[in-house]
N, C-alpha and C. Protein backbone atom coordinates (compact mmCIF):
# COMPACT_ATOMS: atom_id res chain seq x y z
N UNK A 1 23.70 -35.88 -35.64
CA UNK A 1 22.64 -36.18 -35.09
C UNK A 1 22.56 -35.80 -33.50
N UNK A 2 24.17 -36.17 -32.86
CA UNK A 2 24.27 -35.81 -31.51
C UNK A 2 24.26 -34.41 -31.35
N UNK A 3 24.36 -33.52 -31.96
CA UNK A 3 24.63 -31.92 -31.92
C UNK A 3 22.84 -31.83 -31.59
N UNK A 4 22.09 -32.12 -32.82
CA UNK A 4 20.62 -32.10 -32.25
C UNK A 4 20.02 -32.32 -31.03
N UNK A 5 20.43 -33.59 -30.77
CA UNK A 5 19.93 -33.89 -29.54
C UNK A 5 20.33 -33.33 -28.21
N UNK A 6 21.66 -32.76 -28.18
CA UNK A 6 22.13 -31.75 -27.29
C UNK A 6 21.46 -30.74 -27.26
N UNK A 7 21.31 -29.93 -28.75
CA UNK A 7 20.40 -28.72 -28.53
C UNK A 7 19.26 -28.72 -28.08
N UNK A 8 18.35 -30.08 -28.14
CA UNK A 8 17.00 -30.32 -27.87
C UNK A 8 17.05 -30.43 -26.14
N UNK A 9 18.10 -31.20 -25.78
CA UNK A 9 18.17 -31.12 -24.40
C UNK A 9 18.64 -29.82 -23.65
N UNK A 10 19.24 -28.90 -24.20
CA UNK A 10 19.56 -27.63 -23.51
C UNK A 10 18.30 -26.67 -23.78
N UNK A 11 17.64 -26.67 -25.07
CA UNK A 11 16.25 -25.78 -25.05
C UNK A 11 15.27 -26.14 -23.99
N UNK A 12 15.19 -27.81 -23.77
CA UNK A 12 14.10 -28.33 -22.57
C UNK A 12 14.81 -27.68 -21.33
N UNK A 13 15.75 -27.93 -21.41
CA UNK A 13 16.32 -27.48 -19.75
C UNK A 13 16.06 -26.08 -19.42
N UNK A 14 16.28 -25.33 -20.39
CA UNK A 14 16.68 -23.48 -20.29
C UNK A 14 15.16 -23.21 -20.24
N UNK A 15 13.91 -23.64 -21.03
CA UNK A 15 12.80 -23.61 -21.07
C UNK A 15 11.72 -23.83 -19.93
N UNK A 16 12.21 -24.74 -19.03
CA UNK A 16 11.59 -25.09 -18.05
C UNK A 16 12.33 -24.67 -16.71
N UNK A 17 13.30 -23.97 -16.89
CA UNK A 17 14.41 -23.41 -15.60
C UNK A 17 13.58 -22.22 -15.36
N UNK A 18 13.45 -22.10 -14.03
CA UNK A 18 12.71 -20.85 -13.27
C UNK A 18 11.33 -20.54 -13.44
N UNK A 19 10.41 -21.64 -14.31
CA UNK A 19 9.16 -21.48 -14.24
C UNK A 19 8.43 -22.27 -13.17
N UNK A 20 7.55 -21.28 -12.69
CA UNK A 20 6.64 -22.17 -11.48
C UNK A 20 5.19 -21.84 -11.69
N UNK A 21 4.54 -23.00 -12.19
CA UNK A 21 3.42 -23.20 -12.87
C UNK A 21 2.49 -23.80 -11.27
N UNK A 22 1.29 -23.10 -11.43
CA UNK A 22 0.42 -23.82 -10.05
C UNK A 22 -0.77 -24.31 -10.90
N UNK A 23 -1.21 -25.04 -10.44
CA UNK A 23 -2.45 -25.63 -11.19
C UNK A 23 -3.40 -26.49 -9.95
N UNK A 24 -4.65 -25.95 -9.95
CA UNK A 24 -5.36 -26.60 -9.07
C UNK A 24 -6.86 -26.79 -9.53
N UNK A 25 -7.59 -27.66 -9.07
CA UNK A 25 -9.12 -27.76 -9.38
C UNK A 25 -9.75 -27.32 -8.15
N UNK A 26 -10.84 -26.80 -8.10
CA UNK A 26 -12.05 -26.51 -7.09
C UNK A 26 -13.26 -26.57 -7.70
N UNK A 27 -13.97 -27.13 -6.79
CA UNK A 27 -15.63 -27.38 -6.94
C UNK A 27 -16.11 -26.26 -5.93
N UNK A 28 -16.93 -25.59 -6.84
CA UNK A 28 -18.01 -24.92 -5.58
C UNK A 28 -19.45 -25.21 -6.25
N UNK A 29 -20.30 -25.12 -5.06
CA UNK A 29 -21.65 -25.68 -5.16
C UNK A 29 -23.07 -24.60 -5.19
N UNK A 30 -22.49 -23.56 -4.86
CA UNK A 30 -23.71 -22.31 -5.06
C UNK A 30 -22.93 -21.27 -5.76
N UNK A 31 -24.14 -20.61 -6.28
CA UNK A 31 -23.86 -19.29 -7.20
C UNK A 31 -24.93 -18.31 -6.72
N UNK A 32 -24.46 -16.95 -6.96
CA UNK A 32 -25.61 -15.76 -6.92
C UNK A 32 -25.00 -14.74 -7.64
N UNK A 33 -25.77 -13.41 -7.99
CA UNK A 33 -25.13 -12.59 -8.40
C UNK A 33 -25.79 -11.14 -8.09
N UNK A 34 -24.96 -10.18 -8.23
CA UNK A 34 -25.38 -8.72 -8.06
C UNK A 34 -25.21 -8.17 -9.24
N UNK A 35 -25.72 -6.82 -9.05
CA UNK A 35 -25.93 -5.76 -10.19
C UNK A 35 -25.12 -4.90 -10.01
N UNK A 36 -24.20 -4.37 -11.13
CA UNK A 36 -23.13 -3.56 -10.73
C UNK A 36 -23.73 -1.98 -11.07
N UNK A 37 -23.90 -0.84 -10.05
CA UNK A 37 -24.46 0.36 -10.90
C UNK A 37 -23.48 1.48 -10.19
N UNK A 38 -22.97 2.27 -11.32
CA UNK A 38 -22.20 3.49 -10.74
C UNK A 38 -23.02 4.68 -10.21
N UNK A 39 -22.55 4.99 -9.15
CA UNK A 39 -23.32 5.85 -8.49
C UNK A 39 -22.55 7.17 -8.67
N UNK A 40 -23.39 8.15 -9.30
CA UNK A 40 -22.69 9.49 -9.58
C UNK A 40 -22.67 10.28 -8.10
N UNK A 41 -23.30 10.14 -6.98
CA UNK A 41 -23.13 10.83 -5.85
C UNK A 41 -21.96 10.20 -5.27
N UNK A 42 -21.88 9.03 -5.16
CA UNK A 42 -20.44 8.71 -4.15
C UNK A 42 -19.67 8.33 -5.00
N UNK A 43 -19.53 8.45 -6.51
CA UNK A 43 -18.45 8.33 -7.38
C UNK A 43 -17.68 6.78 -7.02
N UNK A 44 -18.35 6.14 -7.17
CA UNK A 44 -18.05 4.63 -7.23
C UNK A 44 -19.03 3.71 -7.54
N UNK A 45 -19.03 2.39 -7.95
CA UNK A 45 -19.75 1.27 -8.23
C UNK A 45 -20.33 0.77 -6.79
N UNK A 46 -21.36 0.54 -6.91
CA UNK A 46 -22.22 -0.06 -5.90
C UNK A 46 -22.96 -1.51 -6.29
N UNK A 47 -23.22 -2.39 -5.37
CA UNK A 47 -23.28 -3.82 -5.98
C UNK A 47 -24.73 -3.97 -5.28
N UNK A 48 -25.72 -4.24 -5.87
CA UNK A 48 -26.97 -4.62 -5.34
C UNK A 48 -27.35 -6.51 -5.44
N UNK A 49 -27.30 -7.07 -4.69
CA UNK A 49 -27.72 -8.47 -4.70
C UNK A 49 -28.88 -8.67 -5.14
N UNK A 50 -29.14 -9.82 -6.01
CA UNK A 50 -30.26 -10.10 -6.78
C UNK A 50 -31.02 -11.08 -5.88
N UNK A 51 -30.58 -11.62 -4.73
CA UNK A 51 -31.12 -12.61 -4.05
C UNK A 51 -31.76 -13.91 -4.99
N UNK A 52 -30.66 -14.59 -5.92
CA UNK A 52 -30.96 -15.38 -6.48
C UNK A 52 -29.71 -16.89 -6.42
N UNK A 53 -29.79 -16.88 -5.09
CA UNK A 53 -28.58 -17.75 -4.30
C UNK A 53 -29.47 -19.07 -4.80
N UNK A 54 -28.36 -20.01 -5.49
CA UNK A 54 -29.07 -21.14 -6.02
C UNK A 54 -27.63 -22.19 -5.68
N UNK A 55 -28.32 -23.72 -5.72
CA UNK A 55 -27.44 -24.74 -6.02
C UNK A 55 -27.03 -24.93 -7.10
N UNK A 56 -25.45 -24.72 -7.65
CA UNK A 56 -24.90 -24.85 -8.65
C UNK A 56 -23.78 -25.51 -8.46
N UNK A 57 -23.22 -26.84 -9.26
CA UNK A 57 -22.01 -27.41 -9.01
C UNK A 57 -21.17 -26.84 -10.05
N UNK A 58 -19.86 -25.99 -9.76
CA UNK A 58 -19.12 -25.76 -10.99
C UNK A 58 -17.87 -26.33 -10.75
N UNK A 59 -17.47 -26.82 -11.54
CA UNK A 59 -15.86 -27.25 -11.57
C UNK A 59 -14.64 -25.85 -12.07
N UNK A 60 -13.91 -25.55 -11.53
CA UNK A 60 -12.73 -24.71 -11.78
C UNK A 60 -11.25 -25.06 -11.86
N UNK A 61 -10.72 -25.14 -13.16
CA UNK A 61 -9.64 -25.74 -13.36
C UNK A 61 -8.81 -24.51 -13.80
N UNK A 62 -7.88 -24.26 -12.81
CA UNK A 62 -7.10 -22.90 -12.59
C UNK A 62 -5.44 -23.30 -12.72
N UNK A 63 -4.81 -22.85 -13.94
CA UNK A 63 -3.73 -22.79 -14.41
C UNK A 63 -2.92 -21.34 -14.22
N UNK A 64 -1.84 -21.15 -13.38
CA UNK A 64 -1.61 -19.89 -13.26
C UNK A 64 0.15 -20.09 -13.38
N UNK A 65 0.72 -19.16 -14.24
CA UNK A 65 2.27 -19.12 -14.37
C UNK A 65 2.66 -18.16 -13.34
N UNK A 66 3.23 -17.96 -12.51
CA UNK A 66 3.95 -17.33 -11.14
C UNK A 66 4.87 -16.18 -12.08
N UNK A 67 5.88 -16.74 -12.88
CA UNK A 67 6.70 -15.72 -13.54
C UNK A 67 6.39 -14.94 -14.60
N UNK A 68 5.37 -15.36 -15.23
CA UNK A 68 4.97 -14.56 -16.39
C UNK A 68 3.72 -13.81 -15.86
N UNK A 69 3.01 -14.01 -14.76
CA UNK A 69 1.62 -13.85 -14.19
C UNK A 69 0.30 -13.69 -14.92
N UNK A 70 0.28 -14.66 -15.49
CA UNK A 70 -0.69 -14.86 -16.64
C UNK A 70 -1.14 -16.59 -16.32
N UNK A 71 -2.35 -16.74 -17.18
CA UNK A 71 -2.62 -18.15 -17.18
C UNK A 71 -3.96 -18.67 -17.50
N UNK A 72 -4.79 -19.38 -17.22
CA UNK A 72 -5.94 -19.69 -17.95
C UNK A 72 -7.04 -20.48 -16.66
N UNK A 73 -8.24 -20.14 -16.53
CA UNK A 73 -9.20 -20.65 -15.85
C UNK A 73 -10.46 -21.43 -16.64
N UNK A 74 -10.82 -22.29 -16.64
CA UNK A 74 -11.65 -22.95 -17.17
C UNK A 74 -12.55 -23.60 -16.07
N UNK A 75 -14.17 -23.50 -16.91
CA UNK A 75 -15.28 -23.53 -15.91
C UNK A 75 -16.35 -24.16 -17.06
N UNK A 76 -16.36 -25.64 -17.07
CA UNK A 76 -17.30 -25.98 -18.12
C UNK A 76 -16.56 -25.80 -19.82
N UNK A 77 -17.62 -25.14 -20.22
CA UNK A 77 -16.94 -24.73 -21.81
C UNK A 77 -16.55 -23.25 -21.57
N UNK A 78 -16.25 -22.63 -20.62
CA UNK A 78 -15.67 -21.34 -20.54
C UNK A 78 -14.58 -21.15 -20.28
N UNK A 79 -13.63 -20.52 -21.10
CA UNK A 79 -12.34 -19.97 -20.41
C UNK A 79 -11.83 -18.92 -20.28
N UNK A 80 -11.25 -18.59 -19.45
CA UNK A 80 -10.72 -17.14 -19.11
C UNK A 80 -9.36 -17.24 -19.31
N UNK A 81 -9.15 -16.22 -20.45
CA UNK A 81 -7.37 -16.42 -20.22
C UNK A 81 -7.04 -15.01 -19.24
N UNK A 82 -5.76 -15.55 -18.28
CA UNK A 82 -5.63 -14.72 -17.31
C UNK A 82 -4.33 -13.90 -17.92
N UNK A 83 -4.67 -12.29 -17.64
CA UNK A 83 -3.45 -11.48 -18.30
C UNK A 83 -2.70 -11.33 -17.30
N UNK A 84 -3.24 -11.05 -16.19
CA UNK A 84 -2.24 -10.36 -15.12
C UNK A 84 -2.93 -11.02 -13.73
N UNK A 85 -1.77 -11.21 -12.82
CA UNK A 85 -2.42 -11.81 -11.07
C UNK A 85 -1.51 -10.82 -10.51
N UNK A 86 -2.39 -10.46 -9.28
CA UNK A 86 -1.89 -9.83 -8.09
C UNK A 86 -2.54 -10.44 -7.06
N UNK A 87 -1.62 -10.35 -5.54
CA UNK A 87 -2.32 -10.73 -4.20
C UNK A 87 -2.66 -9.60 -3.59
N UNK A 88 -3.71 -9.29 -3.22
CA UNK A 88 -4.16 -8.21 -2.42
C UNK A 88 -4.46 -8.55 -0.95
N UNK A 89 -4.93 -7.60 -0.14
CA UNK A 89 -5.56 -8.20 1.26
C UNK A 89 -6.37 -7.20 1.40
N UNK A 90 -7.72 -7.08 1.99
CA UNK A 90 -8.67 -6.20 2.26
C UNK A 90 -9.42 -6.84 3.75
N UNK A 91 -9.29 -5.85 4.49
CA UNK A 91 -9.98 -6.44 5.97
C UNK A 91 -9.36 -7.98 6.19
N UNK A 92 -7.97 -7.92 6.20
CA UNK A 92 -7.41 -9.14 6.75
C UNK A 92 -7.53 -10.70 6.05
N UNK A 93 -8.26 -10.29 4.73
CA UNK A 93 -8.60 -11.65 3.90
C UNK A 93 -7.54 -11.21 2.85
N UNK A 94 -6.49 -12.41 2.24
CA UNK A 94 -6.04 -12.13 1.02
C UNK A 94 -7.02 -12.71 -0.15
N UNK A 95 -6.68 -12.15 -1.15
CA UNK A 95 -7.36 -12.45 -2.55
C UNK A 95 -6.31 -12.85 -3.51
N UNK A 96 -6.63 -13.37 -4.40
CA UNK A 96 -6.01 -13.36 -5.92
C UNK A 96 -6.67 -12.88 -6.67
N UNK A 97 -6.45 -11.83 -7.45
CA UNK A 97 -6.85 -10.77 -8.01
C UNK A 97 -6.64 -10.86 -9.53
N UNK A 98 -7.37 -11.17 -10.56
CA UNK A 98 -6.55 -11.69 -11.87
C UNK A 98 -7.57 -10.46 -12.95
N UNK A 99 -7.04 -10.10 -13.87
CA UNK A 99 -7.54 -9.56 -15.25
C UNK A 99 -7.51 -10.56 -15.96
N UNK A 100 -8.69 -10.66 -16.46
CA UNK A 100 -8.68 -11.72 -17.62
C UNK A 100 -9.46 -11.59 -18.56
N UNK A 101 -9.70 -12.53 -19.60
CA UNK A 101 -10.59 -12.15 -20.88
C UNK A 101 -11.45 -13.50 -20.89
N UNK A 102 -12.72 -13.37 -21.01
CA UNK A 102 -13.52 -14.44 -21.37
C UNK A 102 -13.61 -14.90 -22.46
N UNK A 103 -12.90 -15.85 -23.08
CA UNK A 103 -13.14 -16.21 -24.60
C UNK A 103 -14.38 -16.53 -24.89
N UNK A 104 -15.23 -17.22 -24.28
CA UNK A 104 -16.56 -17.38 -24.87
C UNK A 104 -17.48 -16.34 -25.13
N UNK A 105 -17.60 -15.30 -24.27
CA UNK A 105 -18.14 -14.34 -24.34
C UNK A 105 -17.36 -13.00 -25.24
N UNK A 106 -16.08 -13.20 -25.53
CA UNK A 106 -14.94 -12.23 -26.23
C UNK A 106 -15.19 -10.81 -25.32
N UNK A 107 -15.03 -11.08 -23.83
CA UNK A 107 -14.82 -9.61 -23.34
C UNK A 107 -14.09 -9.73 -21.69
N UNK A 108 -13.91 -8.66 -21.33
CA UNK A 108 -12.56 -8.61 -20.39
C UNK A 108 -13.45 -8.69 -19.19
N UNK A 109 -12.73 -9.38 -18.57
CA UNK A 109 -13.68 -9.64 -16.90
C UNK A 109 -12.23 -9.79 -15.86
N UNK A 110 -13.15 -9.33 -14.47
CA UNK A 110 -12.19 -9.33 -13.57
C UNK A 110 -12.64 -10.51 -12.37
N UNK A 111 -11.50 -11.07 -11.89
CA UNK A 111 -11.70 -12.46 -11.45
C UNK A 111 -11.00 -12.26 -9.94
N UNK A 112 -11.91 -12.78 -9.11
CA UNK A 112 -11.01 -12.68 -7.59
C UNK A 112 -11.78 -13.87 -6.73
N UNK A 113 -10.33 -14.63 -6.57
CA UNK A 113 -10.48 -15.95 -5.76
C UNK A 113 -10.16 -15.54 -4.24
N UNK A 114 -10.59 -16.38 -3.50
CA UNK A 114 -9.99 -16.18 -2.20
C UNK A 114 -10.69 -17.35 -1.10
N UNK A 115 -10.25 -17.86 -0.13
CA UNK A 115 -10.85 -18.64 1.28
C UNK A 115 -10.87 -18.07 2.14
N UNK A 116 -12.43 -18.12 2.65
CA UNK A 116 -12.63 -17.74 3.91
C UNK A 116 -13.44 -18.47 4.96
N UNK A 117 -12.62 -19.02 5.74
CA UNK A 117 -13.26 -20.11 6.64
C UNK A 117 -12.88 -21.44 6.29
N UNK A 118 -11.80 -21.32 5.35
CA UNK A 118 -11.45 -22.75 4.83
C UNK A 118 -12.23 -23.07 3.51
N UNK A 119 -13.39 -22.15 3.24
CA UNK A 119 -14.08 -22.53 1.86
C UNK A 119 -13.69 -21.72 0.61
N UNK A 120 -13.50 -22.33 -0.55
CA UNK A 120 -12.96 -21.31 -1.67
C UNK A 120 -14.33 -20.71 -2.20
N UNK A 121 -14.04 -19.25 -2.67
CA UNK A 121 -14.92 -18.49 -3.31
C UNK A 121 -14.33 -17.84 -4.58
N UNK A 122 -14.93 -17.50 -5.26
CA UNK A 122 -14.43 -17.02 -6.81
C UNK A 122 -15.54 -15.97 -7.33
N UNK A 123 -15.16 -14.81 -7.66
CA UNK A 123 -16.46 -13.76 -8.39
C UNK A 123 -15.62 -13.44 -9.36
N UNK A 124 -16.60 -13.46 -10.33
CA UNK A 124 -16.28 -12.83 -11.58
C UNK A 124 -17.07 -11.54 -12.07
N UNK A 125 -16.08 -10.29 -12.08
CA UNK A 125 -16.88 -8.77 -12.41
C UNK A 125 -16.88 -9.00 -13.82
N UNK A 126 -18.02 -8.75 -14.43
CA UNK A 126 -18.27 -8.42 -15.93
C UNK A 126 -18.92 -7.37 -15.90
N UNK A 127 -17.90 -6.11 -16.33
CA UNK A 127 -18.15 -4.99 -16.35
C UNK A 127 -19.20 -4.66 -17.70
N UNK A 128 -19.05 -5.45 -18.57
CA UNK A 128 -19.81 -4.95 -19.84
C UNK A 128 -21.46 -5.56 -19.50
N UNK A 129 -21.64 -6.09 -18.59
CA UNK A 129 -22.78 -6.48 -18.79
C UNK A 129 -23.37 -6.14 -17.15
N UNK A 130 -22.25 -5.33 -16.76
CA UNK A 130 -22.56 -4.37 -15.19
C UNK A 130 -23.37 -5.78 -14.23
N UNK A 131 -22.64 -6.69 -14.23
CA UNK A 131 -22.98 -8.10 -13.26
C UNK A 131 -21.64 -8.76 -12.65
N UNK A 132 -22.14 -9.01 -11.54
CA UNK A 132 -20.93 -10.13 -10.76
C UNK A 132 -21.44 -11.44 -10.71
N UNK A 133 -20.67 -12.46 -11.02
CA UNK A 133 -21.24 -13.96 -10.51
C UNK A 133 -20.43 -13.99 -9.75
N UNK A 134 -20.82 -14.92 -8.49
CA UNK A 134 -20.40 -15.08 -7.08
C UNK A 134 -20.46 -16.59 -7.08
N UNK A 135 -19.44 -17.52 -6.63
CA UNK A 135 -19.53 -18.92 -6.56
C UNK A 135 -18.92 -19.24 -5.55
N UNK A 136 -19.45 -20.28 -4.67
CA UNK A 136 -19.12 -20.46 -3.24
C UNK A 136 -18.97 -22.29 -3.39
N UNK A 137 -17.83 -22.55 -2.30
CA UNK A 137 -17.65 -23.89 -2.08
C UNK A 137 -18.90 -24.38 -1.13
């Protein structure tokens, strides 16, 4: 029995050693969307605002494992399984870029989160639907 307890204690110690789990909850209050259109002339995706800015309260629960670069994002009954995480900088704005999978719709998505002027923003790029969903604090 003593050996079993020692083994369990060692496994718990080693399994938690080196892990860095980040968890946070954010609330956004506004939402808008854009259409994604591939331009054969420009050879890039162009984004066209739908002018549908609405007040929509959404709670985001984000859990990321820095060591394995994966995690989960939940929003209501939608869960995004994060497959990879990178930190990128564009125009002096740092952002968290996550390749993820929408478990509810069963499709891959790209999630980009950042903070601008102290306000949290998150965008969900759904290539399968040619649409981007923007959420603002």
